[in-house]
Amino acid sequence: MEKEVIVKDIQMEFMSMVSFMVKWVLASIPAMIVLFCIGSIFMSLMAIFF
């Protein structure tokens, strides 16, 4: 049985939101490095085969 939930407002202090966003950015850096490495390997394989 599914229930619908609608969020209308979130109470969050400004500095808490800033620290959350900084942590979000810092967490995305390793993810971008991993995606760059995977993309580089894929492009190298494509260059070798074609």
Protein backbone atom coordinates (compact mmCIF):
# COMPACT_ATOMS: atom_id res chain seq x y z
CA MET A 1 0.00 0.00 0.00
CA GLU A 2 1.51 3.29 -1.12
CA LYS A 3 1.14 6.56 0.75
CA GLU A 4 1.89 9.94 -0.77
CA VAL A 5 4.11 12.31 1.19
CA ILE A 6 4.45 16.01 0.39
CA VAL A 7 7.20 18.05 2.06
CA LYS A 8 6.17 21.68 2.27
CA ASP A 9 8.97 23.26 4.32
CA ILE A 10 12.32 22.42 5.88
CA GLN A 11 13.61 24.47 8.80
CA MET A 12 17.40 24.68 8.60
CA GLU A 13 19.84 27.31 9.84
CA PHE A 14 21.92 29.06 7.20
CA MET A 15 25.33 27.99 8.53
CA SER A 16 24.13 24.42 8.87
CA MET A 17 23.05 24.51 5.23
CA VAL A 18 26.41 25.98 4.19
CA SER A 19 28.34 23.26 6.02
CA PHE A 20 26.09 20.61 4.44
CA MET A 21 26.78 22.00 0.97
CA VAL A 22 30.55 22.18 1.60
CA LYS A 23 30.54 18.53 2.70
CA TRP A 24 28.53 17.68 -0.43
CA VAL A 25 31.13 19.37 -2.65
CA LEU A 26 34.03 17.68 -0.85
CA ALA A 27 32.32 14.30 -1.20
CA SER A 28 31.85 14.84 -4.95
CA ILE A 29 35.60 15.30 -5.60
CA PRO A 30 36.53 11.60 -5.21
CA ALA A 31 33.49 10.65 -7.27
CA MET A 32 34.66 12.92 -10.10
CA ILE A 33 38.16 11.43 -9.93
CA VAL A 34 36.74 7.90 -10.20
CA LEU A 35 34.50 8.89 -13.13
CA PHE A 36 37.45 10.57 -14.85
CA CYS A 37 39.54 7.40 -14.48
CA ILE A 38 36.75 5.20 -15.83
CA GLY A 39 36.25 7.59 -18.76
CA SER A 40 39.98 7.66 -19.50
CA ILE A 41 40.17 3.85 -19.52
CA PHE A 42 37.12 3.64 -21.78
CA MET A 43 38.49 6.24 -24.21
CA SER A 44 41.88 4.49 -24.28
CA LEU A 45 40.22 1.19 -25.12
CA MET A 46 38.17 2.87 -27.85
CA ALA A 47 41.35 4.42 -29.31
CA ILE A 48 43.12 1.05 -29.30
CA PHE A 49 40.27 -0.79 -31.02
CA PHE A 50 39.49 1.89 -33.59
